[in-house]
């Protein structure tokens, strides 16, 4: 395994885990759901920003969406190598997360200044600002749901959507549980319509069950460790030898009694539990 890739992943994990952990903690506190502020919901509906699910149909597009959160479009034109794109994204993401202003909410004064600035902005400036907001909303939610899908089902949203389109109804149900907006995708709409008009009660019953279920059921016992596992899984590193994985867990700070890892044996047990939960 490329040690450079592992080193980059470790830096990414250190920077991003606290923020993802906070978001999932919020979901847990809300009974497994992700309730957004009413103002944001209205903006998403009024401006038709509920299109992030389209990126699940192509993993490269999903990664490009994430990249657009941190790169100027012109910087992406000359990047043909997906590995190089991922490497550059890691570095830029780390710099963003490690900066003093990372994820800080604007003060009331700053909000007023933004509003005043938008009032005097021309059409081109307003379009550019709207595009940045759109990219941020799409990238944030699509990435969050993708990690949650790995944690809950053991497959990314891209994998579930691909399987569903290939005729796997179980993948269809699981994907809907994580992100209901995929019902706006053409295949998902047509499959639902076919079930309704064709009188397919078993499909509708199974879908209804997933719709009634929250994104996650109950609190995740080793949530922070599970997030680390999901990111390592997404990076293709979760199959590393357990001794090496334990070194990584120690380095990123998810090692110790509170995380359920005190030696290689504990790590093996936690990995088995992680996989077992995903298989349900």
Protein backbone atom coordinates (compact mmCIF):
# COMPACT_ATOMS: atom_id res chain seq x y z
CA UNK A 1 0.00 0.00 0.00
CA UNK A 2 1.27 3.47 -0.93
CA UNK A 3 2.50 5.12 2.28
CA UNK A 4 1.97 8.56 0.75
CA UNK A 5 -1.72 7.75 0.30
CA UNK A 6 -1.94 6.51 3.89
CA UNK A 7 -0.21 9.65 5.16
CA UNK A 8 -2.67 11.85 3.22
CA UNK A 9 -5.59 9.85 4.57
CA UNK A 10 -4.34 10.28 8.14
CA UNK A 11 -4.14 14.05 7.72
CA UNK A 12 -7.64 14.08 6.22
CA UNK A 13 -9.05 11.98 9.05
CA UNK A 14 -7.52 14.22 11.72
CA UNK A 15 -9.03 17.30 10.16
CA UNK A 16 -12.48 16.12 9.13
CA UNK A 17 -13.56 13.57 11.76
CA UNK A 18 -14.51 16.19 14.42
CA UNK A 19 -16.81 17.98 11.97
CA UNK A 20 -18.50 14.84 10.65
CA UNK A 21 -18.78 13.57 14.22
CA UNK A 22 -20.60 16.76 15.19
CA UNK A 23 -23.02 16.47 12.27
CA UNK A 24 -23.85 12.83 13.00
CA UNK A 25 -24.19 13.63 16.72
CA UNK A 26 -26.82 16.20 15.70
CA UNK A 27 -28.63 13.51 13.67
CA UNK A 28 -28.56 11.17 16.67
CA UNK A 29 -29.95 13.89 18.95
CA UNK A 30 -32.78 14.38 16.44
CA UNK A 31 -33.84 10.75 16.60
CA UNK A 32 -31.86 9.69 13.55
CA UNK A 33 -33.18 12.40 11.22
CA UNK A 34 -31.46 15.45 9.70
CA UNK A 35 -33.85 18.38 10.22
CA UNK A 36 -32.55 21.51 8.53
CA UNK A 37 -33.50 25.05 9.43
CA UNK A 38 -36.79 26.14 7.91
CA UNK A 39 -35.14 29.04 6.07
CA UNK A 40 -32.65 26.68 4.39
CA UNK A 41 -35.42 24.24 3.47
CA UNK A 42 -37.43 27.06 1.88
CA UNK A 43 -34.39 28.18 -0.11
CA UNK A 44 -33.73 24.63 -1.31
CA UNK A 45 -37.35 24.26 -2.41
CA UNK A 46 -37.81 27.74 -3.91
CA UNK A 47 -34.55 27.63 -5.84
CA UNK A 48 -34.81 23.93 -6.78
CA UNK A 49 -31.54 23.02 -5.08
CA UNK A 50 -32.66 19.46 -4.28
CA UNK A 51 -30.63 17.97 -7.13
CA UNK A 52 -27.56 16.61 -5.31
CA UNK A 53 -28.89 13.06 -5.74
CA UNK A 54 -28.03 13.22 -9.45
CA UNK A 55 -24.36 12.96 -8.46
CA UNK A 56 -24.88 9.50 -6.94
CA UNK A 57 -25.30 8.18 -10.47
CA UNK A 58 -21.63 8.78 -11.22
CA UNK A 59 -18.91 8.48 -8.56
CA UNK A 60 -16.52 10.64 -10.59
CA UNK A 61 -19.09 13.42 -10.73
CA UNK A 62 -19.65 13.15 -6.98
CA UNK A 63 -15.91 13.53 -6.36
CA UNK A 64 -15.81 16.41 -8.82
CA UNK A 65 -18.64 18.07 -6.92
CA UNK A 66 -16.61 17.80 -3.72
CA UNK A 67 -13.61 19.20 -5.55
CA UNK A 68 -15.61 22.21 -6.73
CA UNK A 69 -16.16 23.13 -3.08
CA UNK A 70 -12.45 23.80 -2.78
CA UNK A 71 -11.19 24.49 -6.32
CA UNK A 72 -11.89 27.14 -8.90
CA UNK A 73 -13.38 25.61 -12.08
CA UNK A 74 -10.36 26.76 -14.09
CA UNK A 75 -8.08 24.78 -11.79
CA UNK A 76 -9.94 21.57 -12.66
CA UNK A 77 -9.58 21.83 -16.44
CA UNK A 78 -6.03 20.47 -16.57
CA UNK A 79 -6.56 17.70 -14.02
CA UNK A 80 -7.05 14.45 -15.95
CA UNK A 81 -5.73 12.01 -13.37
CA UNK A 82 -8.43 11.08 -10.79
CA UNK A 83 -5.71 10.12 -8.28
CA UNK A 84 -4.12 13.53 -8.68
CA UNK A 85 -7.50 15.17 -8.29
CA UNK A 86 -8.13 13.22 -5.07
CA UNK A 87 -4.65 14.10 -3.79
CA UNK A 88 -5.12 17.78 -4.55
CA UNK A 89 -8.58 17.74 -2.98
CA UNK A 90 -7.17 16.24 0.21
CA UNK A 91 -4.55 18.94 0.50
CA UNK A 92 -6.97 21.76 -0.21
CA UNK A 93 -9.57 20.29 2.15
CA UNK A 94 -7.01 20.01 4.92
CA UNK A 95 -5.93 23.62 4.50
CA UNK A 96 -9.58 24.68 4.60
CA UNK A 97 -10.44 22.68 7.70
CA UNK A 98 -7.27 23.65 9.56
CA UNK A 99 -7.67 27.38 8.94
CA UNK A 100 -8.85 29.62 11.78
CA UNK A 101 -12.09 30.45 9.97
CA UNK A 102 -13.06 26.86 9.13
CA UNK A 103 -16.76 26.15 9.55
CA UNK A 104 -17.33 29.32 11.56
CA UNK A 105 -20.74 30.91 11.27
CA UNK A 106 -20.85 34.59 10.33
CA UNK A 107 -21.69 37.06 13.10
CA UNK A 108 -24.80 39.24 12.91
CA UNK A 109 -22.66 42.12 11.66
CA UNK A 110 -21.12 39.92 8.97
CA UNK A 111 -24.56 38.69 7.92
CA UNK A 112 -25.75 42.28 7.55
CA UNK A 113 -22.66 43.11 5.52
CA UNK A 114 -23.29 40.13 3.23
CA UNK A 115 -26.93 41.13 2.77
CA UNK A 116 -25.94 44.73 2.02
CA UNK A 117 -23.33 43.55 -0.45
CA UNK A 118 -25.85 41.35 -2.26
CA UNK A 119 -28.27 44.26 -2.55
CA UNK A 120 -25.69 46.20 -4.54
CA UNK A 121 -24.42 43.18 -6.52
CA UNK A 122 -25.00 42.97 -10.26
CA UNK A 123 -26.58 39.97 -11.98
CA UNK A 124 -23.25 38.26 -12.68
CA UNK A 125 -22.13 38.58 -9.05
CA UNK A 126 -25.47 37.24 -7.80
CA UNK A 127 -25.22 34.23 -10.13
CA UNK A 128 -21.67 33.52 -8.97
CA UNK A 129 -22.72 33.73 -5.32
CA UNK A 130 -25.77 31.51 -5.90
CA UNK A 131 -23.58 28.96 -7.66
CA UNK A 132 -21.15 28.83 -4.72
CA UNK A 133 -24.04 28.35 -2.28
CA UNK A 134 -25.49 25.61 -4.48
CA UNK A 135 -22.15 23.79 -4.72
CA UNK A 136 -21.70 24.01 -0.95
CA UNK A 137 -25.17 22.63 -0.22
CA UNK A 138 -24.86 19.84 -2.78
CA UNK A 139 -21.32 18.91 -1.79
CA UNK A 140 -21.98 18.98 1.96
CA UNK A 141 -25.15 16.90 1.89
CA UNK A 142 -24.04 14.44 -0.79
CA UNK A 143 -20.76 13.75 1.02
CA UNK A 144 -22.48 13.36 4.39
CA UNK A 145 -25.06 10.92 3.02
CA UNK A 146 -22.34 9.00 1.20
CA UNK A 147 -20.41 8.42 4.47
CA UNK A 148 -23.61 7.58 6.33
CA UNK A 149 -24.49 5.02 3.68
CA UNK A 150 -21.11 3.35 4.15
CA UNK A 151 -21.60 3.32 7.93
CA UNK A 152 -25.17 2.02 7.85
CA UNK A 153 -25.23 -0.27 4.82
CA UNK A 154 -21.59 -0.93 3.98
CA UNK A 155 -22.03 0.54 0.50
CA UNK A 156 -21.79 4.10 -0.73
CA UNK A 157 -24.77 5.92 -2.19
CA UNK A 158 -23.16 5.59 -5.62
CA UNK A 159 -22.95 1.81 -5.21
CA UNK A 160 -26.53 1.54 -3.94
CA UNK A 161 -27.93 3.67 -6.76
CA UNK A 162 -26.00 1.71 -9.39
CA UNK A 163 -27.30 -1.57 -7.95
CA UNK A 164 -30.87 -0.22 -7.76
CA UNK A 165 -30.82 0.87 -11.40
CA UNK A 166 -29.60 -2.63 -12.27
CA UNK A 167 -32.78 -4.02 -10.72
CA UNK A 168 -31.76 -4.57 -7.08
CA UNK A 169 -34.83 -3.43 -5.16
CA UNK A 170 -33.14 -4.01 -1.79
CA UNK A 171 -30.48 -1.46 -2.79
CA UNK A 172 -33.34 0.84 -3.83
CA UNK A 173 -34.90 0.67 -0.35
CA UNK A 174 -31.58 1.19 1.45
CA UNK A 175 -30.64 4.19 -0.67
CA UNK A 176 -34.03 5.79 -0.01
CA UNK A 177 -33.57 5.35 3.74
CA UNK A 178 -30.33 7.36 3.65
CA UNK A 179 -31.48 10.11 1.28
CA UNK A 180 -35.12 10.45 0.21
CA UNK A 181 -34.23 12.92 -2.54
CA UNK A 182 -33.11 10.05 -4.77
CA UNK A 183 -36.81 9.47 -5.45
CA UNK A 184 -36.45 12.45 -7.81
CA UNK A 185 -34.08 10.45 -10.06
CA UNK A 186 -35.68 9.19 -13.30
CA UNK A 187 -35.22 5.48 -12.59
CA UNK A 188 -36.47 5.79 -9.01
CA UNK A 189 -39.53 7.74 -10.15
CA UNK A 190 -40.36 5.23 -12.86
CA UNK A 191 -39.81 2.21 -10.55
CA UNK A 192 -42.15 3.73 -7.96
CA UNK A 193 -44.76 4.52 -10.62
CA UNK A 194 -44.50 0.98 -12.00
CA UNK A 195 -45.05 -0.47 -8.52
CA UNK A 196 -48.05 1.76 -7.90
CA UNK A 197 -49.78 1.28 -11.26
CA UNK A 198 -48.85 -2.39 -11.45
CA UNK A 199 -50.15 -3.15 -7.97
CA UNK A 200 -46.88 -4.31 -6.40
CA UNK A 201 -47.74 -4.36 -2.67
CA UNK A 202 -44.52 -6.11 -1.59
CA UNK A 203 -42.37 -3.38 -3.15
CA UNK A 204 -44.51 -0.58 -1.73
CA UNK A 205 -44.55 -2.19 1.71
CA UNK A 206 -40.76 -2.59 1.78
CA UNK A 207 -40.29 0.98 0.53
CA UNK A 208 -42.75 2.30 3.11
CA UNK A 209 -40.79 0.56 5.86
CA UNK A 210 -37.55 2.29 4.80
CA UNK A 211 -39.30 5.65 4.45
CA UNK A 212 -40.60 5.38 8.00
CA UNK A 213 -37.16 4.56 9.32
CA UNK A 214 -34.77 7.38 10.23
CA UNK A 215 -31.39 7.62 8.54
CA UNK A 216 -29.79 5.93 11.54
CA UNK A 217 -31.63 3.96 14.19
CA UNK A 218 -30.41 4.63 17.70
CA UNK A 219 -27.09 5.99 18.82
CA UNK A 220 -23.91 4.54 17.36
CA UNK A 221 -21.89 3.15 20.26
CA UNK A 222 -18.46 3.92 18.81
CA UNK A 223 -19.59 6.73 16.53
CA UNK A 224 -16.23 8.46 16.07
CA UNK A 225 -14.48 5.17 15.34
CA UNK A 226 -17.25 4.19 12.91
CA UNK A 227 -16.73 7.49 11.05
CA UNK A 228 -13.01 6.73 10.81
CA UNK A 229 -13.82 3.26 9.47
CA UNK A 230 -16.21 4.73 6.88
CA UNK A 231 -13.65 7.24 5.62
CA UNK A 232 -10.91 4.61 5.52
CA UNK A 233 -13.34 2.35 3.67
CA UNK A 234 -14.05 5.09 1.15
CA UNK A 235 -10.31 5.58 0.68
CA UNK A 236 -9.79 1.85 0.12
CA UNK A 237 -7.69 1.50 3.28
CA UNK A 238 -9.91 -0.51 5.61
CA UNK A 239 -8.38 -3.78 4.39
CA UNK A 240 -4.94 -2.84 5.66
CA UNK A 241 -3.37 -5.29 8.19
CA UNK A 242 -4.94 -4.75 11.59
CA UNK A 243 -1.61 -3.77 13.12
CA UNK A 244 -1.31 -0.93 10.59
CA UNK A 245 -4.93 0.11 11.13
CA UNK A 246 -4.30 0.28 14.87
CA UNK A 247 -1.32 2.57 14.25
CA UNK A 248 -3.57 4.82 12.17
CA UNK A 249 -6.28 4.84 14.87
CA UNK A 250 -3.67 5.85 17.44
CA UNK A 251 -2.35 8.62 15.22
CA UNK A 252 -5.76 10.12 14.46
CA UNK A 253 -6.89 9.93 18.09
CA UNK A 254 -9.59 7.26 17.98
CA UNK A 255 -7.65 4.84 20.17
CA UNK A 256 -8.48 4.01 23.78
CA UNK A 257 -11.21 2.60 25.98
CA UNK A 258 -13.80 5.19 24.95
CA UNK A 259 -13.37 4.14 21.31
CA UNK A 260 -13.29 0.42 22.07
CA UNK A 261 -9.71 -0.11 20.89
CA UNK A 262 -6.95 -0.96 23.31
CA UNK A 263 -5.07 -3.57 21.29
CA UNK A 264 -5.20 -5.42 17.95
CA UNK A 265 -7.73 -7.87 19.35
CA UNK A 266 -10.13 -5.07 20.23
CA UNK A 267 -9.64 -3.53 16.79
CA UNK A 268 -10.50 -6.83 15.10
CA UNK A 269 -13.63 -7.09 17.23
CA UNK A 270 -14.72 -3.52 16.41
CA UNK A 271 -14.18 -4.14 12.69
CA UNK A 272 -16.31 -7.29 12.91
CA UNK A 273 -19.05 -5.33 14.67
CA UNK A 274 -18.85 -2.59 12.06
CA UNK A 275 -19.26 -5.08 9.24
CA UNK A 276 -22.01 -6.95 11.09
CA UNK A 277 -24.06 -3.75 11.56
CA UNK A 278 -23.67 -2.99 7.87
CA UNK A 279 -24.93 -6.45 6.91
CA UNK A 280 -28.27 -5.93 8.68
